[in-house]
Amino acid sequence: MMTSTVFLPPIRPTVRAVIFHQGKLLVQVKRHTGKPDFLTLPGGAQEMGETMPQSIARECFEEVGAEVIVGSLLHMAEVFKPKDGGLRHQVEALFSCTLPADYTPRLGPRPDRSQIDTIWADPVAEAARFRPTYVTHLVETRAPFYLGSFHG
């Protein structure tokens, strides 16, 4: 446990879509002023009254304009994201998802504020651009269910 850090309540349940196509992952490209662009999996906060599959379907539609089929829960991870005033503790559930065959990457109708694009990215060749860094586990055939904790 990180004892000298201020944590922002509450712990936030978060869902992420793991969508592979020809060895690449569907990702959001995000930009923060003055920093290099980075990549994240589609997804976000679970809302009150939503199941995790409902949440991931909503998030994918909003962010990447896709109606996904939500599959099995692949992994869990904890992410500590720096925010004004401290760290947000997120518990992330990573689900396998599939897309319609004719899907092409695009921004959805309500992308994240920092989202500038949606692309297919190679999780090995572009691993350094991913946040959080658990992406390298997604290509391991024997990756653990609990991936650990990561700085976001």
Protein backbone atom coordinates (compact mmCIF):
# COMPACT_ATOMS: atom_id res chain seq x y z
CA MET A 1 0.00 0.00 0.00
CA MET A 2 1.18 3.51 -0.81
CA THR A 3 1.04 5.25 2.58
CA SER A 4 2.44 8.72 1.83
CA THR A 5 0.05 9.38 -1.04
CA VAL A 6 -3.35 11.04 -1.00
CA PHE A 7 -6.01 8.80 -2.57
CA LEU A 8 -9.16 10.28 -4.01
CA PRO A 9 -12.31 8.43 -2.94
CA PRO A 10 -14.03 6.30 -3.96
CA ILE A 11 -12.30 3.35 -5.61
CA ARG A 12 -13.56 3.46 -9.19
CA PRO A 13 -14.79 0.30 -11.00
CA THR A 14 -13.65 0.50 -14.61
CA VAL A 15 -14.14 -1.76 -17.64
CA ARG A 16 -11.90 -2.14 -20.69
CA ALA A 17 -12.48 -3.79 -24.07
CA VAL A 18 -9.76 -6.10 -25.38
CA ILE A 19 -10.42 -6.25 -29.13
CA PHE A 20 -7.86 -8.00 -31.32
CA HIS A 21 -7.83 -8.03 -35.13
CA GLN A 22 -4.94 -9.54 -37.06
CA GLY A 23 -2.65 -9.30 -34.04
CA LYS A 24 -3.46 -5.67 -33.29
CA LEU A 25 -5.55 -4.09 -30.55
CA LEU A 26 -8.24 -1.49 -31.05
CA VAL A 27 -7.11 1.52 -29.03
CA GLN A 28 -7.83 5.14 -28.36
CA VAL A 29 -5.09 7.65 -29.13
CA LYS A 30 -5.03 10.31 -26.41
CA ARG A 31 -3.24 13.62 -26.11
CA HIS A 32 -2.42 15.78 -23.11
CA THR A 33 -0.86 19.16 -23.85
CA GLY A 34 2.91 19.11 -23.72
CA LYS A 35 3.17 15.31 -23.49
CA PRO A 36 3.58 12.57 -26.10
CA ASP A 37 0.41 10.94 -27.41
CA PHE A 38 -0.44 7.65 -25.70
CA LEU A 39 -2.70 4.64 -26.26
CA THR A 40 -5.45 3.18 -24.07
CA LEU A 41 -8.00 0.42 -24.40
CA PRO A 42 -11.59 1.57 -24.96
CA GLY A 43 -13.65 1.66 -21.80
CA GLY A 44 -14.21 3.65 -18.67
CA ALA A 45 -16.13 4.01 -15.47
CA GLN A 46 -19.01 1.73 -14.66
CA GLU A 47 -22.14 3.72 -13.88
CA MET A 48 -24.58 2.99 -11.06
CA GLY A 49 -27.07 0.31 -12.05
CA GLU A 50 -25.01 -0.93 -15.01
CA THR A 51 -23.63 -4.41 -15.26
CA MET A 52 -20.02 -4.60 -16.45
CA PRO A 53 -21.05 -5.91 -19.90
CA GLN A 54 -23.58 -3.07 -20.25
CA SER A 55 -20.93 -0.58 -19.22
CA ILE A 56 -18.39 -1.82 -21.75
CA ALA A 57 -20.97 -1.82 -24.54
CA ARG A 58 -21.91 1.79 -23.72
CA GLU A 59 -18.29 2.94 -23.44
CA CYS A 60 -17.31 1.32 -26.75
CA PHE A 61 -20.22 2.92 -28.55
CA GLU A 62 -19.44 6.35 -27.06
CA GLU A 63 -15.68 6.26 -27.64
CA VAL A 64 -15.08 4.20 -30.79
CA GLY A 65 -18.51 4.13 -32.44
CA ALA A 66 -18.79 0.35 -32.20
CA GLU A 67 -21.53 -1.99 -31.10
CA VAL A 68 -19.41 -4.72 -29.54
CA ILE A 69 -20.27 -8.23 -28.47
CA VAL A 70 -18.95 -8.56 -24.95
CA GLY A 71 -17.25 -11.88 -24.25
CA SER A 72 -15.51 -13.30 -21.22
CA LEU A 73 -13.70 -11.53 -18.42
CA LEU A 74 -10.00 -11.98 -19.20
CA HIS A 75 -8.12 -10.10 -16.49
CA MET A 76 -8.33 -7.75 -13.53
CA ALA A 77 -5.83 -5.01 -12.73
CA GLU A 78 -5.49 -2.06 -10.39
CA VAL A 79 -4.45 1.31 -11.76
CA PHE A 80 -3.37 4.39 -9.82
CA LYS A 81 -4.01 7.46 -11.99
CA PRO A 82 -2.58 10.86 -11.06
CA LYS A 83 -5.29 13.49 -10.74
CA ASP A 84 -5.39 16.95 -9.18
CA GLY A 85 -5.11 16.43 -5.44
CA GLY A 86 -3.91 12.83 -5.44
CA LEU A 87 -4.29 9.42 -7.05
CA ARG A 88 -7.47 7.78 -8.29
CA HIS A 89 -7.55 4.06 -7.51
CA GLN A 90 -9.26 2.16 -10.32
CA VAL A 91 -10.10 -1.52 -10.40
CA GLU A 92 -10.11 -2.47 -14.08
CA ALA A 93 -11.99 -5.45 -15.54
CA LEU A 94 -10.69 -6.39 -19.00
CA PHE A 95 -13.21 -8.17 -21.23
CA SER A 96 -12.72 -9.90 -24.55
CA CYS A 97 -14.93 -8.18 -27.13
CA THR A 98 -15.66 -8.60 -30.82
CA LEU A 99 -16.72 -6.13 -33.48
CA PRO A 100 -18.85 -6.34 -36.60
CA ALA A 101 -16.74 -7.55 -39.54
CA ASP A 102 -17.11 -4.25 -41.39
CA TYR A 103 -15.96 -2.01 -38.52
CA THR A 104 -13.31 0.60 -39.32
CA PRO A 105 -11.66 2.59 -36.51
CA ARG A 106 -13.27 5.95 -35.84
CA LEU A 107 -14.20 8.31 -33.05
CA GLY A 108 -17.54 7.57 -31.47
CA PRO A 109 -20.26 10.15 -30.82
CA ARG A 110 -18.92 10.94 -27.30
CA PRO A 111 -15.15 10.35 -27.25
CA ASP A 112 -13.09 11.03 -24.13
CA ARG A 113 -11.95 14.67 -23.80
CA SER A 114 -8.33 13.77 -24.55
CA GLN A 115 -9.13 11.22 -27.28
CA ILE A 116 -7.96 12.31 -30.74
CA ASP A 117 -8.23 9.08 -32.75
CA THR A 118 -9.06 5.36 -32.76
CA ILE A 119 -6.59 2.97 -34.40
CA TRP A 120 -5.36 -0.61 -34.57
CA ALA A 121 -2.04 -0.80 -32.70
CA ASP A 122 0.56 -3.53 -32.29
CA PRO A 123 0.73 -4.25 -28.53
CA VAL A 124 4.34 -5.45 -28.78
CA ALA A 125 5.87 -2.92 -31.18
CA GLU A 126 4.01 -0.01 -29.57
CA ALA A 127 4.06 -1.25 -25.95
CA ALA A 128 5.87 1.86 -24.72
CA ARG A 129 2.96 4.07 -25.87
CA PHE A 130 0.31 2.19 -23.86
CA ARG A 131 -1.07 3.39 -20.55
CA PRO A 132 -1.31 1.57 -18.31
CA THR A 133 1.50 -0.81 -19.15
CA TYR A 134 -0.43 -4.05 -18.58
CA VAL A 135 -0.88 -4.32 -22.36
CA THR A 136 2.16 -6.59 -22.68
CA HIS A 137 0.31 -9.22 -20.64
CA LEU A 138 -2.52 -9.30 -23.17
CA VAL A 139 -0.38 -11.14 -25.71
CA GLU A 140 0.94 -13.71 -23.22
CA THR A 141 -0.73 -17.09 -23.52
CA ARG A 142 -0.30 -17.75 -19.79
CA ALA A 143 -0.90 -14.30 -18.34
CA PRO A 144 -2.33 -14.35 -14.81
CA PHE A 145 -5.94 -13.39 -14.19
CA TYR A 146 -4.85 -10.64 -11.77
CA LEU A 147 -2.29 -8.58 -13.66
CA GLY A 148 -1.15 -6.53 -10.66
CA SER A 149 -1.09 -2.81 -9.95
CA PHE A 150 0.06 -0.17 -12.41
CA HIS A 151 0.69 3.55 -12.53
CA GLY A 152 -1.74 5.07 -15.00
